[in-house]
PDB file of N, CA and C in Angstrom:
ATOM      1  N   MET A   1       4.113  -5.561  -6.831  1.00  0.00           N
ATOM      2  CA  MET A   1       3.292  -7.000  -5.930  1.00  0.00           C
ATOM      3  C   MET A   1       3.790  -7.927  -7.228  1.00  0.00           C
ATOM      4  N   SER A   2       4.162  -9.148  -6.021  1.00  0.00           N
ATOM      5  CA  SER A   2       4.356 -10.234  -6.623  1.00  0.00           C
ATOM      6  C   SER A   2       2.956 -11.113  -6.717  1.00  0.00           C
ATOM      7  N   SER A   3       3.284 -12.068  -7.528  1.00  0.00           N
ATOM      8  CA  SER A   3       1.285 -12.838  -7.886  1.00  0.00           C
ATOM      9  C   SER A   3       1.160 -13.750  -7.034  1.00  0.00           C
ATOM     10  N   ALA A   4       2.085 -14.264  -6.292  1.00  0.00           N
ATOM     11  CA  ALA A   4       2.177 -14.623  -4.915  1.00  0.00           C
ATOM     12  C   ALA A   4       2.245 -13.746  -3.785  1.00  0.00           C
ATOM     13  N   PRO A   5       0.892 -14.732  -3.136  1.00  0.00           N
ATOM     14  CA  PRO A   5      -0.063 -14.270  -2.487  1.00  0.00           C
ATOM     15  C   PRO A   5       0.674 -13.727  -0.907  1.00  0.00           C
ATOM     16  N   VAL A   6       0.892 -12.760  -0.360  1.00  0.00           N
ATOM     17  CA  VAL A   6       1.497 -12.192   0.662  1.00  0.00           C
ATOM     18  C   VAL A   6       0.587 -12.089   2.215  1.00  0.00           C
ATOM     19  N   LEU A   7       1.104 -12.535   3.013  1.00  0.00           N
ATOM     20  CA  LEU A   7       0.209 -12.138   4.488  1.00  0.00           C
ATOM     21  C   LEU A   7      -0.386 -10.582   4.401  1.00  0.00           C
ATOM     22  N   ASP A   8      -1.514 -10.134   4.953  1.00  0.00           N
ATOM     23  CA  ASP A   8      -1.853  -8.862   5.036  1.00  0.00           C
ATOM     24  C   ASP A   8      -2.446  -8.806   6.315  1.00  0.00           C
ATOM     25  N   PHE A   9      -3.800 -10.059   6.859  1.00  0.00           N
ATOM     26  CA  PHE A   9      -3.623  -9.259   8.344  1.00  0.00           C
ATOM     27  C   PHE A   9      -4.409 -10.965   8.884  1.00  0.00           C
ATOM     28  N   VAL A  10      -4.379 -11.013  10.267  1.00  0.00           N
ATOM     29  CA  VAL A  10      -4.217 -12.028  11.167  1.00  0.00           C
ATOM     30  C   VAL A  10      -5.699 -11.651  12.541  1.00  0.00           C
ATOM     31  N   VAL A  11      -6.402 -12.686  12.568  1.00  0.00           N
ATOM     32  CA  VAL A  11      -7.720 -12.912  13.265  1.00  0.00           C
ATOM     33  C   VAL A  11      -7.589 -14.042  14.487  1.00  0.00           C
ATOM     34  N   LEU A  12      -7.660 -13.166  15.495  1.00  0.00           N
ATOM     35  CA  LEU A  12      -7.362 -14.490  16.397  1.00  0.00           C
ATOM     36  C   LEU A  12      -8.880 -14.194  17.307  1.00  0.00           C
ATOM     37  N   TYR A  13      -9.420 -15.834  18.027  1.00  0.00           N
ATOM     38  CA  TYR A  13     -10.658 -15.500  18.529  1.00  0.00           C
ATOM     39  C   TYR A  13      -9.569 -15.998  19.799  1.00  0.00           C
ATOM     40  N   VAL A  14     -10.655 -15.388  20.912  1.00  0.00           N
ATOM     41  CA  VAL A  14     -10.129 -15.724  21.904  1.00  0.00           C
ATOM     42  C   VAL A  14     -11.867 -15.975  22.371  1.00  0.00           C
ATOM     43  N   SER A  15     -11.499 -15.753  24.181  1.00  0.00           N
ATOM     44  CA  SER A  15     -12.777 -16.206  24.681  1.00  0.00           C
ATOM     45  C   SER A  15     -13.227 -15.146  26.111  1.00  0.00           C
ATOM     46  N   ASN A  16     -12.063 -14.034  25.906  1.00  0.00           N
ATOM     47  CA  ASN A  16     -12.719 -12.624  27.113  1.00  0.00           C
ATOM     48  C   ASN A  16     -12.110 -11.540  25.627  1.00  0.00           C
ATOM     49  N   LEU A  17     -12.687 -11.120  25.285  1.00  0.00           N
ATOM     50  CA  LEU A  17     -12.229  -9.838  24.109  1.00  0.00           C
ATOM     51  C   LEU A  17     -11.461  -8.163  24.755  1.00  0.00           C
ATOM     52  N   GLU A  18     -11.782  -7.813  26.269  1.00  0.00           N
ATOM     53  CA  GLU A  18     -11.709  -7.293  27.160  1.00  0.00           C
ATOM     54  C   GLU A  18     -10.141  -7.847  27.816  1.00  0.00           C
ATOM     55  N   GLU A  19     -10.263  -8.515  28.809  1.00  0.00           N
ATOM     56  CA  GLU A  19      -9.075  -9.340  29.079  1.00  0.00           C
ATOM     57  C   GLU A  19      -7.860  -9.481  28.157  1.00  0.00           C
ATOM     58  N   VAL A  20      -7.748 -10.138  26.968  1.00  0.00           N
ATOM     59  CA  VAL A  20      -7.131 -10.129  25.822  1.00  0.00           C
ATOM     60  C   VAL A  20      -6.940  -8.509  24.977  1.00  0.00           C
ATOM     61  N   CYS A  21      -7.239  -8.349  25.186  1.00  0.00           N
ATOM     62  CA  CYS A  21      -7.092  -6.429  24.652  1.00  0.00           C
ATOM     63  C   CYS A  21      -6.699  -5.717  25.259  1.00  0.00           C
ATOM     64  N   ASN A  22      -6.850  -6.037  27.113  1.00  0.00           N
ATOM     65  CA  ASN A  22      -5.896  -4.950  27.732  1.00  0.00           C
ATOM     66  C   ASN A  22      -4.985  -5.479  27.903  1.00  0.00           C
ATOM     67  N   TYR A  23      -4.350  -7.077  27.625  1.00  0.00           N
ATOM     68  CA  TYR A  23      -3.276  -7.671  28.062  1.00  0.00           C
ATOM     69  C   TYR A  23      -2.215  -7.119  26.930  1.00  0.00           C
ATOM     70  N   PHE A  24      -2.951  -7.055  25.451  1.00  0.00           N
ATOM     71  CA  PHE A  24      -1.763  -7.071  24.588  1.00  0.00           C
ATOM     72  C   PHE A  24      -1.681  -5.160  24.617  1.00  0.00           C
ATOM     73  N   THR A  25      -2.093  -4.386  25.335  1.00  0.00           N
ATOM     74  CA  THR A  25      -2.091  -2.390  25.215  1.00  0.00           C
ATOM     75  C   THR A  25      -0.839  -3.350  26.913  1.00  0.00           C
ATOM     76  N   GLN A  26      -1.738  -3.307  27.773  1.00  0.00           N
ATOM     77  CA  GLN A  26      -0.914  -2.797  28.711  1.00  0.00           C
ATOM     78  C   GLN A  26       0.156  -3.439  29.581  1.00  0.00           C
ATOM     79  N   THR A  27       0.086  -5.166  29.025  1.00  0.00           N
ATOM     80  CA  THR A  27       1.495  -5.584  29.332  1.00  0.00           C
ATOM     81  C   THR A  27       2.079  -6.020  28.430  1.00  0.00           C
ATOM     82  N   LEU A  28       1.733  -6.413  26.764  1.00  0.00           N
ATOM     83  CA  LEU A  28       3.121  -5.826  25.843  1.00  0.00           C
ATOM     84  C   LEU A  28       3.062  -4.993  25.366  1.00  0.00           C
ATOM     85  N   GLY A  29       2.406  -3.917  25.095  1.00  0.00           N
ATOM     86  CA  GLY A  29       2.545  -2.358  25.048  1.00  0.00           C
ATOM     87  C   GLY A  29       2.296  -2.102  23.233  1.00  0.00           C
ATOM     88  N   LEU A  30       1.658  -3.000  22.859  1.00  0.00           N
ATOM     89  CA  LEU A  30       0.407  -3.129  21.628  1.00  0.00           C
ATOM     90  C   LEU A  30      -0.290  -2.029  20.962  1.00  0.00           C
ATOM     91  N   GLU A  31      -0.188  -1.045  20.401  1.00  0.00           N
ATOM     92  CA  GLU A  31      -1.123  -0.102  19.588  1.00  0.00           C
ATOM     93  C   GLU A  31      -2.561  -0.257  19.778  1.00  0.00           C
ATOM     94  N   HIS A  32      -3.007  -0.431  20.273  1.00  0.00           N
ATOM     95  CA  HIS A  32      -4.845  -1.202  20.147  1.00  0.00           C
ATOM     96  C   HIS A  32      -5.190   0.496  19.238  1.00  0.00           C
ATOM     97  N   LEU A  33      -6.065   0.669  17.873  1.00  0.00           N
ATOM     98  CA  LEU A  33      -6.672   1.083  17.149  1.00  0.00           C
ATOM     99  C   LEU A  33      -8.032   1.180  17.216  1.00  0.00           C
ATOM    100  N   ALA A  34      -8.272   1.963  18.044  1.00  0.00           N
ATOM    101  CA  ALA A  34      -9.479   1.664  18.861  1.00  0.00           C
ATOM    102  C   ALA A  34     -10.713   2.479  17.616  1.00  0.00           C
ATOM    103  N   ASP A  35     -10.867   3.275  16.432  1.00  0.00           N
ATOM    104  CA  ASP A  35     -11.368   4.059  15.796  1.00  0.00           C
ATOM    105  C   ASP A  35     -11.691   2.465  15.182  1.00  0.00           C
ATOM    106  N   GLN A  36     -11.088   1.290  14.873  1.00  0.00           N
ATOM    107  CA  GLN A  36     -11.557  -0.067  13.944  1.00  0.00           C
ATOM    108  C   GLN A  36     -12.802  -0.884  15.500  1.00  0.00           C
ATOM    109  N   ASP A  37     -12.864  -0.006  16.654  1.00  0.00           N
ATOM    110  CA  ASP A  37     -13.278  -1.529  17.899  1.00  0.00           C
ATOM    111  C   ASP A  37     -14.931  -1.773  16.998  1.00  0.00           C
ATOM    112  N   THR A  38     -15.402  -2.928  17.675  1.00  0.00           N
ATOM    113  CA  THR A  38     -16.855  -2.908  17.284  1.00  0.00           C
ATOM    114  C   THR A  38     -17.415  -4.031  18.844  1.00  0.00           C
ATOM    115  N   PRO A  39     -18.283  -4.451  19.135  1.00  0.00           N
ATOM    116  CA  PRO A  39     -18.830  -4.996  20.006  1.00  0.00           C
ATOM    117  C   PRO A  39     -17.847  -6.268  20.241  1.00  0.00           C
ATOM    118  N   GLU A  40     -17.637  -6.963  18.957  1.00  0.00           N
ATOM    119  CA  GLU A  40     -17.034  -8.291  19.095  1.00  0.00           C
ATOM    120  C   GLU A  40     -16.070  -7.729  19.045  1.00  0.00           C
ATOM    121  N   PHE A  41     -14.991  -6.964  17.927  1.00  0.00           N
ATOM    122  CA  PHE A  41     -13.841  -6.858  17.589  1.00  0.00           C
ATOM    123  C   PHE A  41     -13.265  -5.549  18.136  1.00  0.00           C
ATOM    124  N   ARG A  42     -11.901  -6.058  17.603  1.00  0.00           N
ATOM    125  CA  ARG A  42     -10.378  -4.922  18.980  1.00  0.00           C
ATOM    126  C   ARG A  42      -9.558  -5.162  17.058  1.00  0.00           C
ATOM    127  N   GLY A  43      -8.603  -4.026  16.993  1.00  0.00           N
ATOM    128  CA  GLY A  43      -8.152  -4.046  16.336  1.00  0.00           C
ATOM    129  C   GLY A  43      -6.592  -3.442  16.972  1.00  0.00           C
ATOM    130  N   PHE A  44      -5.177  -3.806  16.238  1.00  0.00           N
ATOM    131  CA  PHE A  44      -4.129  -3.632  16.150  1.00  0.00           C
ATOM    132  C   PHE A  44      -3.489  -3.125  15.598  1.00  0.00           C
ATOM    133  N   ALA A  45      -2.237  -2.016  15.451  1.00  0.00           N
ATOM    134  CA  ALA A  45      -1.392  -2.229  14.441  1.00  0.00           C
ATOM    135  C   ALA A  45      -0.449  -3.105  14.388  1.00  0.00           C
ATOM    136  N   GLY A  46       0.279  -2.592  13.482  1.00  0.00           N
ATOM    137  CA  GLY A  46       1.466  -3.960  13.512  1.00  0.00           C
ATOM    138  C   GLY A  46       2.918  -3.338  13.712  1.00  0.00           C
ATOM    139  N   GLY A  47       2.714  -1.986  13.924  1.00  0.00           N
ATOM    140  CA  GLY A  47       4.287  -1.867  14.489  1.00  0.00           C
ATOM    141  C   GLY A  47       4.990  -1.956  13.058  1.00  0.00           C
ATOM    142  N   GLU A  48       6.264  -0.754  13.138  1.00  0.00           N
ATOM    143  CA  GLU A  48       7.142  -1.126  12.693  1.00  0.00           C
ATOM    144  C   GLU A  48       7.557  -2.110  12.132  1.00  0.00           C
ATOM    145  N   LYS A  49       7.218  -2.295  11.006  1.00  0.00           N
ATOM    146  CA  LYS A  49       7.334  -3.589   9.449  1.00  0.00           C
ATOM    147  C   LYS A  49       6.278  -4.876  10.648  1.00  0.00           C
ATOM    148  N   GLY A  50       5.774  -4.631  11.458  1.00  0.00           N
ATOM    149  CA  GLY A  50       4.883  -5.677  11.470  1.00  0.00           C
ATOM    150  C   GLY A  50       3.422  -5.579  11.131  1.00  0.00           C
ATOM    151  N   LEU A  51       2.546  -7.024  11.595  1.00  0.00           N
ATOM    152  CA  LEU A  51       1.494  -6.415  10.574  1.00  0.00           C
ATOM    153  C   LEU A  51       0.467  -6.431  11.537  1.00  0.00           C
ATOM    154  N   PRO A  52      -0.395  -6.060  10.652  1.00  0.00           N
ATOM    155  CA  PRO A  52      -1.401  -5.423  11.386  1.00  0.00           C
ATOM    156  C   PRO A  52      -3.240  -6.539  11.841  1.00  0.00           C
ATOM    157  N   PHE A  53      -3.388  -6.734  13.058  1.00  0.00           N
ATOM    158  CA  PHE A  53      -4.358  -7.994  13.522  1.00  0.00           C
ATOM    159  C   PHE A  53      -5.350  -7.354  13.928  1.00  0.00           C
ATOM    160  N   GLY A  54      -5.534  -8.621  14.543  1.00  0.00           N
ATOM    161  CA  GLY A  54      -7.090  -8.185  15.257  1.00  0.00           C
ATOM    162  C   GLY A  54      -7.677  -9.212  15.948  1.00  0.00           C
ATOM    163  N   ILE A  55      -8.468  -8.805  16.673  1.00  0.00           N
ATOM    164  CA  ILE A  55      -8.900  -9.977  17.702  1.00  0.00           C
ATOM    165  C   ILE A  55     -10.791  -9.879  17.556  1.00  0.00           C
ATOM    166  N   VAL A  56     -11.292 -11.194  18.188  1.00  0.00           N
ATOM    167  CA  VAL A  56     -12.749 -11.008  17.866  1.00  0.00           C
ATOM    168  C   VAL A  56     -13.318 -12.415  19.254  1.00  0.00           C
ATOM    169  N   GLN A  57     -14.024 -11.732  19.813  1.00  0.00           N
ATOM    170  CA  GLN A  57     -14.716 -12.482  20.925  1.00  0.00           C
ATOM    171  C   GLN A  57     -15.512 -13.404  20.353  1.00  0.00           C
ATOM    172  N   ALA A  58     -14.484 -15.042  20.785  1.00  0.00           N
ATOM    173  CA  ALA A  58     -15.570 -16.105  20.560  1.00  0.00           C
ATOM    174  C   ALA A  58     -16.767 -16.517  20.718  1.00  0.00           C
ATOM    175  N   SER A  59     -17.821 -16.958  19.642  1.00  0.00           N
ATOM    176  CA  SER A  59     -18.688 -17.348  20.371  1.00  0.00           C
ATOM    177  C   SER A  59     -19.907 -18.405  19.956  1.00  0.00           C
ATOM    178  N   GLU A  60     -20.646 -18.862  19.454  1.00  0.00           N
ATOM    179  CA  GLU A  60     -21.027 -19.716  19.085  1.00  0.00           C
ATOM    180  C   GLU A  60     -21.401 -19.804  17.875  1.00  0.00           C
ATOM    181  N   ARG A  61     -21.267 -18.476  17.068  1.00  0.00           N
ATOM    182  CA  ARG A  61     -21.571 -17.953  15.610  1.00  0.00           C
ATOM    183  C   ARG A  61     -20.255 -17.942  15.276  1.00  0.00           C
ATOM    184  N   THR A  62     -19.069 -18.163  15.896  1.00  0.00           N
ATOM    185  CA  THR A  62     -17.499 -17.951  15.214  1.00  0.00           C
ATOM    186  C   THR A  62     -16.761 -18.635  15.722  1.00  0.00           C
ATOM    187  N   PRO A  63     -15.354 -19.134  14.682  1.00  0.00           N
ATOM    188  CA  PRO A  63     -15.054 -20.411  15.279  1.00  0.00           C
ATOM    189  C   PRO A  63     -14.297 -20.188  16.913  1.00  0.00           C
ATOM    190  N   ARG A  64     -14.016 -21.095  17.301  1.00  0.00           N
ATOM    191  CA  ARG A  64     -13.890 -21.437  19.128  1.00  0.00           C
ATOM    192  C   ARG A  64     -12.725 -20.718  18.997  1.00  0.00           C
ATOM    193  N   ALA A  65     -12.000 -20.254  21.073  1.00  0.00           N
ATOM    194  CA  ALA A  65     -11.627 -19.582  20.798  1.00  0.00           C
ATOM    195  C   ALA A  65      -9.846 -20.152  20.647  1.00  0.00           C
ATOM    196  N   GLY A  66      -9.514 -19.532  20.515  1.00  0.00           N
ATOM    197  CA  GLY A  66      -7.573 -20.202  20.482  1.00  0.00           C
ATOM    198  C   GLY A  66      -7.479 -20.169  18.692  1.00  0.00           C
ATOM    199  N   ALA A  67      -8.912 -20.291  18.174  1.00  0.00           N
ATOM    200  CA  ALA A  67      -8.537 -20.313  16.657  1.00  0.00           C
ATOM    201  C   ALA A  67      -8.007 -18.783  15.517  1.00  0.00           C
ATOM    202  N   VAL A  68      -6.789 -19.391  14.224  1.00  0.00           N
ATOM    203  CA  VAL A  68      -6.624 -18.162  13.776  1.00  0.00           C
ATOM    204  C   VAL A  68      -7.148 -18.063  12.128  1.00  0.00           C
ATOM    205  N   GLU A  69      -7.584 -17.131  12.038  1.00  0.00           N
ATOM    206  CA  GLU A  69      -7.346 -17.011  10.358  1.00  0.00           C
ATOM    207  C   GLU A  69      -6.556 -15.860   9.954  1.00  0.00           C
ATOM    208  N   ILE A  70      -6.005 -16.303   8.594  1.00  0.00           N
ATOM    209  CA  ILE A  70      -5.259 -15.876   7.847  1.00  0.00           C
ATOM    210  C   ILE A  70      -5.647 -15.002   6.485  1.00  0.00           C
ATOM    211  N   TYR A  71      -5.506 -13.701   6.220  1.00  0.00           N
ATOM    212  CA  TYR A  71      -6.262 -13.390   5.365  1.00  0.00           C
ATOM    213  C   TYR A  71      -4.083 -12.800   4.328  1.00  0.00           C
ATOM    214  N   LEU A  72      -5.068 -13.199   2.462  1.00  0.00           N
ATOM    215  CA  LEU A  72      -3.554 -12.804   1.648  1.00  0.00           C
ATOM    216  C   LEU A  72      -3.905 -12.308   1.122  1.00  0.00           C
ATOM    217  N   LYS A  73      -3.354 -11.307   1.091  1.00  0.00           N
ATOM    218  CA  LYS A  73      -3.324 -10.240  -0.543  1.00  0.00           C
ATOM    219  C   LYS A  73      -2.765 -10.650  -1.994  1.00  0.00           C
ATOM    220  N   THR A  74      -3.041 -10.558  -2.925  1.00  0.00           N
ATOM    221  CA  THR A  74      -2.439 -10.928  -4.755  1.00  0.00           C
ATOM    222  C   THR A  74      -2.826 -10.170  -5.162  1.00  0.00           C
ATOM    223  N   ASP A  75      -1.977  -9.173  -6.590  1.00  0.00           N
ATOM    224  CA  ASP A  75      -2.636  -9.095  -7.330  1.00  0.00           C
ATOM    225  C   ASP A  75      -2.985 -10.178  -8.905  1.00  0.00           C
ATOM    226  N   ASN A  76      -2.891 -11.154  -8.093  1.00  0.00           N
ATOM    227  CA  ASN A  76      -3.579 -12.090  -8.820  1.00  0.00           C
ATOM    228  C   ASN A  76      -4.304 -12.989  -8.859  1.00  0.00           C
ATOM    229  N   LEU A  77      -5.953 -12.282  -8.292  1.00  0.00           N
ATOM    230  CA  LEU A  77      -6.327 -13.674  -7.881  1.00  0.00           C
ATOM    231  C   LEU A  77      -6.995 -14.148  -8.311  1.00  0.00           C
ATOM    232  N   VAL A  78      -6.926 -14.799  -9.973  1.00  0.00           N
ATOM    233  CA  VAL A  78      -7.730 -15.512 -10.919  1.00  0.00           C
ATOM    234  C   VAL A  78      -6.259 -16.907 -10.719  1.00  0.00           C
ATOM    235  N   GLY A  79      -5.575 -16.249 -11.242  1.00  0.00           N
ATOM    236  CA  GLY A  79      -3.949 -16.912 -10.544  1.00  0.00           C
ATOM    237  C   GLY A  79      -4.141 -17.661 -10.079  1.00  0.00           C
ATOM    238  N   LEU A  80      -4.269 -17.162  -9.136  1.00  0.00           N
ATOM    239  CA  LEU A  80      -4.340 -18.117  -7.421  1.00  0.00           C
ATOM    240  C   LEU A  80      -5.324 -19.285  -7.557  1.00  0.00           C
ATOM    241  N   HIS A  81      -6.121 -18.612  -7.836  1.00  0.00           N
ATOM    242  CA  HIS A  81      -7.349 -19.346  -8.062  1.00  0.00           C
ATOM    243  C   HIS A  81      -7.428 -21.006  -9.144  1.00  0.00           C
ATOM    244  N   SER A  82      -6.376 -20.821  -9.817  1.00  0.00           N
ATOM    245  CA  SER A  82      -6.265 -21.873 -10.991  1.00  0.00           C
ATOM    246  C   SER A  82      -5.197 -22.536 -10.328  1.00  0.00           C
ATOM    247  N   LYS A  83      -4.164 -22.360  -9.072  1.00  0.00           N
ATOM    248  CA  LYS A  83      -3.717 -22.734  -8.702  1.00  0.00           C
ATOM    249  C   LYS A  83      -4.395 -24.517  -8.525  1.00  0.00           C
TER     250      LYS A  83
END
């Protein structure tokens, strides 16, 4: 892996967890990873060459619905922090 960070995971905050989960699976045909479920989280496979991602029920303890978090991966965390 290069020392440059790469996109590793994305989280979308949603206003209705089950409605969005159903839309992603039933309408878009995305693969729901049920073994990752928690009461507030649903995970999805990235598919061939895709990026895995998750949806989180927005609440007063989380970012607002519509917010997005991205997670980066690097093999040089110290070097990345020093930039």
